Amino acid sequence: MSVGGPAVTRLAVWGDPIDHSRSPDLHGAAYRLLGVDWEYGRRRVDEAGFDAALDGLDDTWRGLSLTMPLKERAHARADLLDEDARLTGAVNTLLLGEEIRGFNTDVGGLTSALLAGGLGSARSARVLGGGATARSALLSLLRLGADTVELRARRAEQAAELAGFAERIGLRATTAELASEAIPATVDLTISTLPGTAVLPDAVITALASRGGALFSAAYAPWPTPLVRAWTDAPVLSGLEMLLHQAVRQIRIFLHGDPEQELPDEAGVLEAMRAALR
């Protein structure tokens, strides 16, 4: 599918839930500045309905942004994968055409967000949650120079699987129960990939904050989360920063087919996208 093909070019973000997503605001701001007359919407699609929804798209569709719980399903449907998608088993961007190309822009988006927020030098980290975003967080931490991680997930098997992934890519990993008040070590950075509505006992939140270093919370709605409210003695970075930077990479893909090829006036595009979040 080419940029100059169909009279209408459609894109959207899919997930469940989806009403909270700010992706339409970000993409809309970028396309207006770039002078690209593309439609970008949102659609509630659950895991069971993903294949049928994807198969039902016509050739006016250029691409999709995927959020939970669709990143593994999108990975399975892609004909070609970029390196980050291959390593993490997660795809948050599909470029549609004769072949479906799958990308993971969460890794680069988080890396850029942490660097921009002054949190890119952590050597030790604690990751909360055991899904696709947690795997992306581990790859980002590795590339930023971290060497040790503590992993906490709701289910022991999730934490064990995540630890196996961490060790395969070169991180030293330990695991602990998500709801445990025992915090064996202080870390430089905590990355929470938990939903904004996740509930943890107050005592656990207090313990995590006391030895958690800075906090990056991938959730941005509702805001602030109970975890964020407890983080009073160290920097806190919102998931909107990751959303912003990963969206820039998605727009590069939708425009150029390459997440590393910069946009025309990318600094101006980034400023317009950030303004759309205010």
Protein backbone atom coordinates (compact mmCIF):
# COMPACT_ATOMS: atom_id res chain seq x y z
CA MET A 1 0.00 0.00 0.00
CA SER A 2 1.52 3.37 -0.97
CA VAL A 3 1.11 6.78 0.64
CA GLY A 4 -0.37 8.21 -2.54
CA GLY A 5 -2.73 5.28 -3.17
CA PRO A 6 -6.29 5.31 -1.87
CA ALA A 7 -8.17 8.62 -1.68
CA VAL A 8 -8.75 7.90 2.00
CA THR A 9 -5.93 6.49 4.12
CA ARG A 10 -7.00 5.05 7.45
CA LEU A 11 -5.13 4.21 10.63
CA ALA A 12 -6.31 3.49 14.16
CA VAL A 13 -5.37 2.32 17.61
CA TRP A 14 -6.96 -0.92 18.75
CA GLY A 15 -7.20 -2.40 22.22
CA ASP A 16 -9.49 -3.19 25.12
CA PRO A 17 -10.08 -0.89 26.94
CA ILE A 18 -9.48 1.89 24.42
CA ASP A 19 -11.57 4.95 25.33
CA HIS A 20 -8.72 6.39 27.45
CA SER A 21 -6.17 6.28 24.61
CA ARG A 22 -4.48 9.56 23.69
CA SER A 23 -3.03 8.12 20.50
CA PRO A 24 -5.63 9.82 18.24
CA ASP A 25 -4.63 13.19 19.74
CA LEU A 26 -0.93 12.53 19.12
CA HIS A 27 -1.25 11.18 15.60
CA GLY A 28 -3.80 13.79 14.57
CA ALA A 29 -1.50 16.62 15.67
CA ALA A 30 1.43 15.11 13.77
CA TYR A 31 -0.45 14.51 10.53
CA ARG A 32 -1.88 18.04 10.53
CA LEU A 33 1.60 19.52 10.85
CA LEU A 34 2.99 17.17 8.22
CA GLY A 35 0.16 18.06 5.82
CA VAL A 36 -0.89 14.42 5.50
CA ASP A 37 -4.64 13.91 5.10
CA TRP A 38 -4.91 10.64 6.99
CA GLU A 39 -7.69 9.50 9.29
CA TYR A 40 -6.63 8.07 12.65
CA GLY A 41 -9.30 6.66 14.98
CA ARG A 42 -9.74 4.21 17.81
CA ARG A 43 -11.60 0.92 18.02
CA ARG A 44 -12.29 -1.43 20.88
CA VAL A 45 -10.98 -4.85 19.83
CA ASP A 46 -10.37 -7.69 22.25
CA GLU A 47 -8.01 -10.61 21.80
CA ALA A 48 -10.71 -12.99 20.64
CA GLY A 49 -11.92 -10.59 17.96
CA PHE A 50 -8.54 -9.43 16.66
CA ASP A 51 -8.08 -11.84 13.74
CA ALA A 52 -11.55 -11.22 12.32
CA ALA A 53 -11.17 -7.46 12.71
CA LEU A 54 -7.79 -7.48 10.95
CA ASP A 55 -9.04 -9.71 8.16
CA GLY A 56 -11.98 -7.34 7.64
CA LEU A 57 -9.85 -4.32 6.72
CA ASP A 58 -9.80 -3.12 3.11
CA ASP A 59 -6.97 -1.51 1.17
CA THR A 60 -7.70 1.97 2.52
CA TRP A 61 -5.98 0.88 5.75
CA ARG A 62 -2.30 1.74 6.05
CA GLY A 63 -1.54 0.67 9.61
CA LEU A 64 -2.55 -0.01 13.19
CA SER A 65 -1.31 0.89 16.64
CA LEU A 66 -1.91 -1.91 19.15
CA THR A 67 -2.27 -1.72 22.89
CA MET A 68 -3.21 -4.29 25.50
CA PRO A 69 -4.19 -7.11 25.11
CA LEU A 70 -3.30 -7.34 21.42
CA LYS A 71 0.49 -7.15 21.21
CA GLU A 72 1.09 -10.90 21.20
CA ARG A 73 -1.72 -11.52 18.69
CA ALA A 74 -0.31 -8.83 16.40
CA HIS A 75 3.09 -10.49 16.68
CA ALA A 76 1.57 -13.78 15.55
CA ARG A 77 -0.08 -12.19 12.51
CA ALA A 78 2.92 -10.26 11.20
CA ASP A 79 4.70 -11.68 8.16
CA LEU A 80 7.88 -9.71 8.91
CA LEU A 81 9.17 -8.51 12.28
CA ASP A 82 11.68 -5.88 13.29
CA GLU A 83 14.39 -6.84 15.78
CA ASP A 84 12.64 -5.48 18.86
CA ALA A 85 9.41 -7.26 17.98
CA ARG A 86 11.30 -10.50 17.37
CA LEU A 87 13.14 -10.31 20.67
CA THR A 88 10.16 -9.34 22.84
CA GLY A 89 7.44 -11.36 21.11
CA ALA A 90 5.32 -8.21 21.08
CA VAL A 91 4.11 -5.94 18.27
CA ASN A 92 2.48 -2.57 18.88
CA THR A 93 2.60 -1.36 15.26
CA LEU A 94 1.42 -3.05 12.07
CA LEU A 95 2.20 -1.65 8.63
CA LEU A 96 -0.34 -3.16 6.28
CA GLY A 97 0.12 -4.13 2.65
CA GLU A 98 0.82 -7.24 0.62
CA GLU A 99 2.90 -8.32 3.60
CA ILE A 100 2.06 -7.32 7.17
CA ARG A 101 5.11 -5.82 8.87
CA GLY A 102 5.22 -5.84 12.65
CA PHE A 103 7.23 -3.45 14.82
CA ASN A 104 7.75 -2.85 18.51
CA THR A 105 8.17 0.90 19.09
CA ASP A 106 7.66 0.57 22.86
CA VAL A 107 11.33 -0.29 23.40
CA GLY A 108 12.66 2.78 21.63
CA GLY A 109 9.85 4.92 23.01
CA LEU A 110 10.66 4.00 26.60
CA THR A 111 14.38 4.46 26.01
CA SER A 112 13.82 7.97 24.66
CA ALA A 113 11.39 8.81 27.46
CA LEU A 114 13.82 7.72 30.18
CA LEU A 115 16.69 9.62 28.59
CA ALA A 116 14.60 12.78 28.15
CA GLY A 117 13.41 12.50 31.76
CA GLY A 118 16.93 12.15 33.14
CA LEU A 119 16.37 8.53 34.16
CA GLY A 120 18.58 6.80 31.61
CA SER A 121 21.51 5.89 33.85
CA ALA A 122 19.95 3.25 36.13
CA ARG A 123 22.13 0.19 36.73
CA SER A 124 19.51 -1.62 38.81
CA ALA A 125 15.75 -1.67 38.33
CA ARG A 126 12.53 -3.21 39.59
CA VAL A 127 9.87 -4.04 37.01
CA LEU A 128 6.26 -4.46 38.10
CA GLY A 129 3.99 -6.51 35.84
CA GLY A 130 4.60 -9.51 33.62
CA GLY A 131 3.18 -8.75 30.19
CA ALA A 132 4.40 -7.49 26.82
CA THR A 133 5.28 -4.01 28.09
CA ALA A 134 7.44 -5.54 30.82
CA ARG A 135 9.49 -7.40 28.19
CA SER A 136 9.93 -4.17 26.26
CA ALA A 137 11.02 -2.44 29.46
CA LEU A 138 13.70 -5.05 30.06
CA LEU A 139 15.14 -4.64 26.58
CA SER A 140 15.15 -0.87 27.04
CA LEU A 141 16.94 -1.19 30.39
CA LEU A 142 19.57 -3.43 28.85
CA ARG A 143 20.30 -0.94 26.09
CA LEU A 144 20.58 1.88 28.62
CA GLY A 145 23.23 -0.05 30.55
CA ALA A 146 21.32 -1.68 33.41
CA ASP A 147 22.63 -5.03 34.59
CA THR A 148 20.34 -6.24 37.39
CA VAL A 149 16.55 -6.38 37.64
CA GLU A 150 14.02 -7.53 40.19
CA LEU A 151 10.78 -8.77 38.61
CA ARG A 152 7.40 -8.73 40.31
CA ALA A 153 4.26 -10.12 38.69
CA ARG A 154 0.89 -11.24 39.99
CA ARG A 155 1.56 -14.85 39.03
CA ALA A 156 4.76 -16.70 39.83
CA GLU A 157 4.87 -18.28 36.37
CA GLN A 158 4.73 -14.83 34.77
CA ALA A 159 7.67 -13.64 36.84
CA ALA A 160 9.62 -16.81 36.03
CA GLU A 161 9.00 -16.44 32.29
CA LEU A 162 10.05 -12.80 32.45
CA ALA A 163 13.20 -13.73 34.37
CA GLY A 164 14.07 -16.26 31.67
CA PHE A 165 13.70 -13.58 29.02
CA ALA A 166 15.81 -11.12 31.06
CA GLU A 167 18.62 -13.64 31.43
CA ARG A 168 18.53 -14.58 27.73
CA ILE A 169 19.14 -10.97 26.72
CA GLY A 170 21.92 -10.51 29.28
CA LEU A 171 20.37 -9.15 32.50
CA ARG A 172 20.76 -10.66 35.96
CA ALA A 173 17.25 -11.24 37.28
CA THR A 174 15.55 -12.12 40.53
CA THR A 175 11.83 -12.53 41.18
CA ALA A 176 9.48 -11.69 44.03
CA GLU A 177 5.75 -11.71 44.67
CA LEU A 178 4.07 -8.53 43.52
CA ALA A 179 2.11 -8.20 46.75
CA SER A 180 5.04 -8.91 49.07
CA GLU A 181 6.10 -6.19 51.52
CA ALA A 182 9.61 -7.62 51.65
CA ILE A 183 11.95 -5.42 49.62
CA PRO A 184 15.42 -7.01 49.69
CA ALA A 185 17.30 -4.25 47.88
CA THR A 186 17.09 -0.61 46.90
CA VAL A 187 17.09 -0.02 43.13
CA ASP A 188 17.84 3.02 40.99
CA LEU A 189 14.60 2.84 39.04
CA THR A 190 11.17 1.22 39.29
CA ILE A 191 9.23 0.65 36.07
CA SER A 192 5.56 -0.12 36.60
CA THR A 193 3.76 -1.70 33.66
CA LEU A 194 0.64 -2.28 35.76
CA PRO A 195 -2.70 -0.84 34.59
CA GLY A 196 -3.68 2.45 36.20
CA THR A 197 -6.56 0.68 37.92
CA ALA A 198 -4.34 -2.01 39.50
CA VAL A 199 -4.88 -2.39 43.24
CA LEU A 200 -2.04 -3.15 45.66
CA PRO A 201 -2.16 -3.07 49.48
CA ASP A 202 -1.07 0.27 50.93
CA ALA A 203 1.73 -1.40 52.87
CA VAL A 204 3.16 -2.89 49.68
CA ILE A 205 3.00 0.45 47.86
CA THR A 206 4.77 2.17 50.75
CA ALA A 207 7.48 -0.49 50.81
CA LEU A 208 8.03 -0.29 47.05
CA ALA A 209 8.31 3.50 47.19
CA SER A 210 10.75 3.43 50.10
CA ARG A 211 13.36 1.43 48.16
CA GLY A 212 12.31 2.02 44.58
CA GLY A 213 14.45 4.91 43.35
CA ALA A 214 12.79 6.95 40.60
CA LEU A 215 9.48 5.75 39.15
CA PHE A 216 8.34 5.36 35.58
CA SER A 217 4.65 4.44 35.38
CA ALA A 218 3.53 3.20 31.96
CA ALA A 219 -0.07 3.91 32.97
CA TYR A 220 -1.34 7.44 32.43
CA ALA A 221 -5.09 7.09 32.98
CA PRO A 222 -6.31 7.46 35.62
CA TRP A 223 -3.57 9.76 36.95
CA PRO A 224 -2.11 9.84 39.49
CA THR A 225 -2.26 6.16 40.34
CA PRO A 226 -2.01 5.05 43.99
CA LEU A 227 1.59 4.01 43.26
CA VAL A 228 2.43 7.47 41.93
CA ARG A 229 0.83 9.20 44.91
CA ALA A 230 3.12 7.25 47.25
CA TRP A 231 6.28 8.21 45.33
CA THR A 232 6.99 11.47 47.15
CA ASP A 233 10.78 11.35 47.61
CA ALA A 234 12.03 10.59 44.10
CA PRO A 235 11.31 11.64 40.50
CA VAL A 236 8.19 10.28 38.76
CA LEU A 237 7.75 10.02 34.99
CA SER A 238 4.34 9.52 33.38
CA GLY A 239 3.60 6.94 30.72
CA LEU A 240 2.52 9.79 28.45
CA GLU A 241 6.22 10.35 27.76
CA MET A 242 6.64 6.80 26.48
CA LEU A 243 3.39 7.12 24.51
CA LEU A 244 4.71 10.28 22.89
CA HIS A 245 8.08 8.89 21.86
CA GLN A 246 6.80 5.53 20.67
CA ALA A 247 4.16 7.35 18.62
CA VAL A 248 6.88 9.34 16.83
CA ARG A 249 8.40 6.02 15.77
CA GLN A 250 4.99 4.75 14.65
CA ILE A 251 4.49 7.82 12.49
CA ARG A 252 7.93 7.28 10.95
CA ILE A 253 6.81 3.75 10.09
CA PHE A 254 3.46 4.84 8.64
CA LEU A 255 5.13 7.60 6.60
CA HIS A 256 8.45 6.01 5.59
CA GLY A 257 8.22 2.33 6.54
CA ASP A 258 11.25 2.79 8.80
CA PRO A 259 11.19 3.57 12.56
CA GLU A 260 14.68 5.12 12.35
CA GLN A 261 14.07 7.56 9.46
CA GLU A 262 13.29 10.94 10.98
CA LEU A 263 10.20 12.92 10.04
CA PRO A 264 10.33 16.24 8.22
CA ASP A 265 10.69 18.93 10.92
CA GLU A 266 10.63 16.21 13.58
CA ALA A 267 11.32 18.67 16.39
CA GLY A 268 8.26 20.67 15.35
CA VAL A 269 6.17 17.52 15.06
CA LEU A 270 7.23 16.42 18.55
CA GLU A 271 6.32 19.85 19.95
CA ALA A 272 2.88 19.74 18.30
CA MET A 273 2.26 16.24 19.66
CA ARG A 274 3.31 17.26 23.16
CA ALA A 275 0.97 20.26 22.99
CA ALA A 276 -1.89 17.90 22.08
CA LEU A 277 -1.41 16.11 25.42
CA ARG A 278 -1.83 19.26 27.53
